[in-house]
C-alpha atoms as a PDB file:
ATOM      1  CA  UNK A   1      18.423   7.187  53.592  1.00  0.00           C
ATOM      2  CA  UNK A   2      21.266   4.774  54.212  1.00  0.00           C
ATOM      3  CA  UNK A   3      23.054   4.343  57.473  1.00  0.00           C
ATOM      4  CA  UNK A   4      26.474   6.015  57.615  1.00  0.00           C
ATOM      5  CA  UNK A   5      28.731   2.975  57.520  1.00  0.00           C
ATOM      6  CA  UNK A   6      32.135   4.242  58.716  1.00  0.00           C
ATOM      7  CA  UNK A   7      34.122   1.306  57.305  1.00  0.00           C
ATOM      8  CA  UNK A   8      32.111   0.299  54.233  1.00  0.00           C
ATOM      9  CA  UNK A   9      35.070   0.003  51.868  1.00  0.00           C
ATOM     10  CA  UNK A  10      36.350  -2.664  49.474  1.00  0.00           C
ATOM     11  CA  UNK A  11      37.909  -4.749  52.263  1.00  0.00           C
ATOM     12  CA  UNK A  12      34.752  -4.813  54.375  1.00  0.00           C
ATOM     13  CA  UNK A  13      32.560  -5.445  51.315  1.00  0.00           C
ATOM     14  CA  UNK A  14      34.749  -8.434  50.437  1.00  0.00           C
ATOM     15  CA  UNK A  15      34.277  -9.941  53.894  1.00  0.00           C
ATOM     16  CA  UNK A  16      30.530  -9.197  53.837  1.00  0.00           C
ATOM     17  CA  UNK A  17      30.240 -10.975  50.485  1.00  0.00           C
ATOM     18  CA  UNK A  18      32.207 -14.015  51.732  1.00  0.00           C
ATOM     19  CA  UNK A  19      30.076 -14.294  54.867  1.00  0.00           C
ATOM     20  CA  UNK A  20      26.851 -13.960  52.920  1.00  0.00           C
ATOM     21  CA  UNK A  21      27.986 -16.573  50.361  1.00  0.00           C
ATOM     22  CA  UNK A  22      28.900 -19.043  53.129  1.00  0.00           C
ATOM     23  CA  UNK A  23      25.511 -18.664  54.791  1.00  0.00           C
ATOM     24  CA  UNK A  24      23.648 -18.770  51.475  1.00  0.00           C
ATOM     25  CA  UNK A  25      25.430 -22.026  50.576  1.00  0.00           C
ATOM     26  CA  UNK A  26      23.743 -23.691  53.527  1.00  0.00           C
ATOM     27  CA  UNK A  27      20.491 -21.774  53.062  1.00  0.00           C
ATOM     28  CA  UNK A  28      20.850 -19.943  56.373  1.00  0.00           C
ATOM     29  CA  UNK A  29      20.090 -16.386  55.212  1.00  0.00           C
ATOM     30  CA  UNK A  30      17.085 -14.799  56.898  1.00  0.00           C
ATOM     31  CA  UNK A  31      14.112 -14.244  54.600  1.00  0.00           C
ATOM     32  CA  UNK A  32      11.479 -12.043  56.146  1.00  0.00           C
ATOM     33  CA  UNK A  33       7.933 -13.398  56.183  1.00  0.00           C
ATOM     34  CA  UNK A  34       6.991 -10.031  54.624  1.00  0.00           C
ATOM     35  CA  UNK A  35       8.797 -11.017  51.398  1.00  0.00           C
ATOM     36  CA  UNK A  36       6.468 -12.333  48.702  1.00  0.00           C
ATOM     37  CA  UNK A  37       7.487 -15.419  46.694  1.00  0.00           C
ATOM     38  CA  UNK A  38       9.449 -13.368  44.173  1.00  0.00           C
ATOM     39  CA  UNK A  39      11.046 -11.451  47.033  1.00  0.00           C
ATOM     40  CA  UNK A  40      12.136 -14.678  48.733  1.00  0.00           C
ATOM     41  CA  UNK A  41      13.610 -15.865  45.451  1.00  0.00           C
ATOM     42  CA  UNK A  42      15.467 -12.600  44.803  1.00  0.00           C
ATOM     43  CA  UNK A  43      16.507 -11.694  48.360  1.00  0.00           C
ATOM     44  CA  UNK A  44      19.924 -13.329  48.592  1.00  0.00           C
ATOM     45  CA  UNK A  45      21.001 -12.035  45.165  1.00  0.00           C
ATOM     46  CA  UNK A  46      19.878  -8.518  45.991  1.00  0.00           C
ATOM     47  CA  UNK A  47      21.554  -8.604  49.390  1.00  0.00           C
ATOM     48  CA  UNK A  48      24.724  -9.869  47.714  1.00  0.00           C
ATOM     49  CA  UNK A  49      24.665  -7.060  45.157  1.00  0.00           C
ATOM     50  CA  UNK A  50      24.051  -4.500  47.914  1.00  0.00           C
ATOM     51  CA  UNK A  51      27.014  -5.911  49.901  1.00  0.00           C
ATOM     52  CA  UNK A  52      29.304  -5.774  46.869  1.00  0.00           C
ATOM     53  CA  UNK A  53      28.340  -2.426  45.392  1.00  0.00           C
ATOM     54  CA  UNK A  54      25.611  -0.542  47.190  1.00  0.00           C
ATOM     55  CA  UNK A  55      24.041   0.067  50.585  1.00  0.00           C
ATOM     56  CA  UNK A  56      20.807  -0.401  52.506  1.00  0.00           C
ATOM     57  CA  UNK A  57      19.047   2.489  50.782  1.00  0.00           C
ATOM     58  CA  UNK A  58      19.652   0.848  47.398  1.00  0.00           C
ATOM     59  CA  UNK A  59      18.417  -2.471  48.756  1.00  0.00           C
ATOM     60  CA  UNK A  60      15.221  -0.851  50.094  1.00  0.00           C
ATOM     61  CA  UNK A  61      14.708   0.827  46.704  1.00  0.00           C
ATOM     62  CA  UNK A  62      14.960  -2.558  44.977  1.00  0.00           C
ATOM     63  CA  UNK A  63      12.408  -4.050  47.345  1.00  0.00           C
ATOM     64  CA  UNK A  64      10.033  -1.207  46.474  1.00  0.00           C
ATOM     65  CA  UNK A  65      10.666  -0.943  42.726  1.00  0.00           C
ATOM     66  CA  UNK A  66      10.395  -4.697  42.161  1.00  0.00           C
ATOM     67  CA  UNK A  67       7.372  -5.018  44.504  1.00  0.00           C
ATOM     68  CA  UNK A  68       9.061  -7.784  46.502  1.00  0.00           C
ATOM     69  CA  UNK A  69       7.036  -7.422  49.693  1.00  0.00           C
ATOM     70  CA  UNK A  70       3.545  -8.667  50.422  1.00  0.00           C
ATOM     71  CA  UNK A  71       0.845  -6.039  50.600  1.00  0.00           C
ATOM     72  CA  UNK A  72      -0.843  -7.572  53.634  1.00  0.00           C
ATOM     73  CA  UNK A  73       0.078  -9.722  56.583  1.00  0.00           C
ATOM     74  CA  UNK A  74      -1.746 -11.365  59.489  1.00  0.00           C
ATOM     75  CA  UNK A  75      -1.370 -10.173  63.032  1.00  0.00           C
ATOM     76  CA  UNK A  76      -2.824 -11.248  66.362  1.00  0.00           C
ATOM     77  CA  UNK A  77      -3.996  -8.944  69.127  1.00  0.00           C
ATOM     78  CA  UNK A  78      -5.815 -10.042  72.262  1.00  0.00           C
ATOM     79  CA  UNK A  79      -6.185 -13.537  70.854  1.00  0.00           C
ATOM     80  CA  UNK A  80      -7.804 -12.396  67.594  1.00  0.00           C
ATOM     81  CA  UNK A  81      -6.097 -12.791  64.259  1.00  0.00           C
ATOM     82  CA  UNK A  82      -6.691 -10.146  61.612  1.00  0.00           C
ATOM     83  CA  UNK A  83      -5.284  -8.965  58.296  1.00  0.00           C
ATOM     84  CA  UNK A  84      -3.460  -5.642  58.104  1.00  0.00           C
ATOM     85  CA  UNK A  85      -1.411  -3.759  55.552  1.00  0.00           C
ATOM     86  CA  UNK A  86       2.352  -4.201  55.598  1.00  0.00           C
ATOM     87  CA  UNK A  87       3.739  -0.860  56.752  1.00  0.00           C
ATOM     88  CA  UNK A  88       5.093   1.427  54.028  1.00  0.00           C
ATOM     89  CA  UNK A  89       8.319   1.590  56.048  1.00  0.00           C
ATOM     90  CA  UNK A  90       8.878  -2.201  55.796  1.00  0.00           C
ATOM     91  CA  UNK A  91      11.307  -2.117  52.848  1.00  0.00           C
ATOM     92  CA  UNK A  92      13.583   0.344  54.620  1.00  0.00           C
ATOM     93  CA  UNK A  93      13.390  -1.449  57.950  1.00  0.00           C
ATOM     94  CA  UNK A  94      14.195  -4.846  56.422  1.00  0.00           C
ATOM     95  CA  UNK A  95      16.989  -3.518  54.187  1.00  0.00           C
ATOM     96  CA  UNK A  96      18.612  -1.480  56.938  1.00  0.00           C
ATOM     97  CA  UNK A  97      18.506  -4.199  59.560  1.00  0.00           C
ATOM     98  CA  UNK A  98      19.786  -7.007  57.373  1.00  0.00           C
ATOM     99  CA  UNK A  99      22.395  -4.967  55.467  1.00  0.00           C
ATOM    100  CA  UNK A 100      23.708  -3.652  58.773  1.00  0.00           C
ATOM    101  CA  UNK A 101      23.838  -7.221  60.139  1.00  0.00           C
ATOM    102  CA  UNK A 102      26.025  -8.364  57.222  1.00  0.00           C
ATOM    103  CA  UNK A 103      28.131  -5.186  57.400  1.00  0.00           C
ATOM    104  CA  UNK A 104      28.796  -5.886  61.091  1.00  0.00           C
ATOM    105  CA  UNK A 105      29.672  -9.542  60.274  1.00  0.00           C
ATOM    106  CA  UNK A 106      32.058  -8.427  57.523  1.00  0.00           C
ATOM    107  CA  UNK A 107      33.668  -5.810  59.723  1.00  0.00           C
ATOM    108  CA  UNK A 108      34.133  -8.302  62.570  1.00  0.00           C
ATOM    109  CA  UNK A 109      35.816 -10.811  60.253  1.00  0.00           C
ATOM    110  CA  UNK A 110      38.049  -8.017  58.977  1.00  0.00           C
ATOM    111  CA  UNK A 111      38.905  -6.856  62.510  1.00  0.00           C
ATOM    112  CA  UNK A 112      39.849 -10.384  63.522  1.00  0.00           C
ATOM    113  CA  UNK A 113      42.009 -10.845  60.407  1.00  0.00           C
ATOM    114  CA  UNK A 114      43.747  -7.530  61.074  1.00  0.00           C
ATOM    115  CA  UNK A 115      44.361  -8.309  64.735  1.00  0.00           C
ATOM    116  CA  UNK A 116      42.014  -5.589  65.958  1.00  0.00           C
ATOM    117  CA  UNK A 117      40.799  -6.480  69.451  1.00  0.00           C
ATOM    118  CA  UNK A 118      37.569  -4.474  69.549  1.00  0.00           C
ATOM    119  CA  UNK A 119      34.989  -2.712  67.394  1.00  0.00           C
ATOM    120  CA  UNK A 120      33.184   0.364  68.661  1.00  0.00           C
ATOM    121  CA  UNK A 121      29.440   0.944  68.702  1.00  0.00           C
ATOM    122  CA  UNK A 122      28.319   4.233  67.104  1.00  0.00           C
ATOM    123  CA  UNK A 123      25.108   5.843  65.898  1.00  0.00           C
ATOM    124  CA  UNK A 124      24.999   5.325  62.140  1.00  0.00           C
ATOM    125  CA  UNK A 125      21.576   6.999  61.771  1.00  0.00           C
ATOM    126  CA  UNK A 126      20.223   9.899  63.760  1.00  0.00           C
ATOM    127  CA  UNK A 127      17.139   9.404  65.906  1.00  0.00           C
ATOM    128  CA  UNK A 128      14.704  12.019  67.164  1.00  0.00           C
ATOM    129  CA  UNK A 129      13.806   9.835  70.144  1.00  0.00           C
ATOM    130  CA  UNK A 130      16.653   7.421  70.783  1.00  0.00           C
ATOM    131  CA  UNK A 131      16.048   4.699  73.324  1.00  0.00           C
ATOM    132  CA  UNK A 132      18.178   5.138  76.479  1.00  0.00           C
ATOM    133  CA  UNK A 133      19.242   1.496  76.115  1.00  0.00           C
ATOM    134  CA  UNK A 134      20.713   2.111  72.662  1.00  0.00           C
ATOM    135  CA  UNK A 135      22.251   5.440  73.658  1.00  0.00           C
ATOM    136  CA  UNK A 136      24.053   3.663  76.522  1.00  0.00           C
ATOM    137  CA  UNK A 137      25.794   1.381  74.002  1.00  0.00           C
ATOM    138  CA  UNK A 138      27.375   4.227  71.977  1.00  0.00           C
ATOM    139  CA  UNK A 139      31.131   4.153  72.418  1.00  0.00           C
ATOM    140  CA  UNK A 140      31.112   0.627  73.849  1.00  0.00           C
ATOM    141  CA  UNK A 141      33.977  -1.583  72.784  1.00  0.00           C
ATOM    142  CA  UNK A 142      32.935  -5.091  71.691  1.00  0.00           C
ATOM    143  CA  UNK A 143      34.996  -8.140  70.983  1.00  0.00           C
ATOM    144  CA  UNK A 144      34.659  -8.852  67.237  1.00  0.00           C
ATOM    145  CA  UNK A 145      34.780 -12.592  67.727  1.00  0.00           C
ATOM    146  CA  UNK A 146      31.996 -12.590  70.301  1.00  0.00           C
ATOM    147  CA  UNK A 147      29.868 -10.255  68.192  1.00  0.00           C
ATOM    148  CA  UNK A 148      30.482 -12.379  65.090  1.00  0.00           C
ATOM    149  CA  UNK A 149      29.379 -15.497  66.972  1.00  0.00           C
ATOM    150  CA  UNK A 150      26.277 -13.749  68.330  1.00  0.00           C
ATOM    151  CA  UNK A 151      24.877 -12.499  65.007  1.00  0.00           C
ATOM    152  CA  UNK A 152      24.054 -15.784  63.189  1.00  0.00           C
ATOM    153  CA  UNK A 153      22.156 -17.126  66.172  1.00  0.00           C
ATOM    154  CA  UNK A 154      19.631 -14.349  65.701  1.00  0.00           C
ATOM    155  CA  UNK A 155      18.863 -14.231  61.975  1.00  0.00           C
ATOM    156  CA  UNK A 156      15.962 -11.825  61.630  1.00  0.00           C
ATOM    157  CA  UNK A 157      15.957 -11.067  65.363  1.00  0.00           C
ATOM    158  CA  UNK A 158      17.922  -8.786  67.608  1.00  0.00           C
ATOM    159  CA  UNK A 159      21.246 -10.242  68.769  1.00  0.00           C
ATOM    160  CA  UNK A 160      22.039 -10.260  72.470  1.00  0.00           C
ATOM    161  CA  UNK A 161      25.354  -8.368  72.398  1.00  0.00           C
ATOM    162  CA  UNK A 162      24.243  -5.540  70.095  1.00  0.00           C
ATOM    163  CA  UNK A 163      20.449  -5.342  70.382  1.00  0.00           C
ATOM    164  CA  UNK A 164      18.397  -2.623  68.715  1.00  0.00           C
ATOM    165  CA  UNK A 165      19.900  -3.315  65.245  1.00  0.00           C
ATOM    166  CA  UNK A 166      17.135  -1.217  63.635  1.00  0.00           C
ATOM    167  CA  UNK A 167      17.832   1.639  66.065  1.00  0.00           C
ATOM    168  CA  UNK A 168      20.540   3.020  63.790  1.00  0.00           C
ATOM    169  CA  UNK A 169      23.432   1.596  65.781  1.00  0.00           C
ATOM    170  CA  UNK A 170      26.330  -0.093  64.052  1.00  0.00           C
ATOM    171  CA  UNK A 171      30.017  -0.740  64.728  1.00  0.00           C
ATOM    172  CA  UNK A 172      33.249   0.721  63.408  1.00  0.00           C
ATOM    173  CA  UNK A 173      36.926   0.069  63.650  1.00  0.00           C
ATOM    174  CA  UNK A 174      38.810   2.006  66.340  1.00  0.00           C
END
């Protein structure tokens, strides 16, 4: 199930696509280590198509239907490395987190271009057990320029200004 993106319209999609293209041109788009070789090769194109026409649920569906994730990965616990199965939720987690990141980037670029001084944090996906830290951010106003600058520093990781990207939080225009 896709996040509820309040401002996912043609204008925001255009900015998302421009941002993604700029980062792809310098090969600075996060590719999860859970992607297999075909997944790494297809990732940017699929993310671009999702930004232009679809959403994170579509992107997760493509990851599943095209078998673009590895079946197993290595992990380390208490100094011992072992092989484990990639979680069945991995396609959704990856798609949601990265689509939302590019949505936020596109929305911030749009806000700046339109002279909007802040974007507002909201819950885009319900949570049965929301973290208090993420709940505390709901309704917060964030400077779109600062948020835009923060996101690329953390490709594939949580940004500092809006952590908990996979918590179902996103931003919207006021």
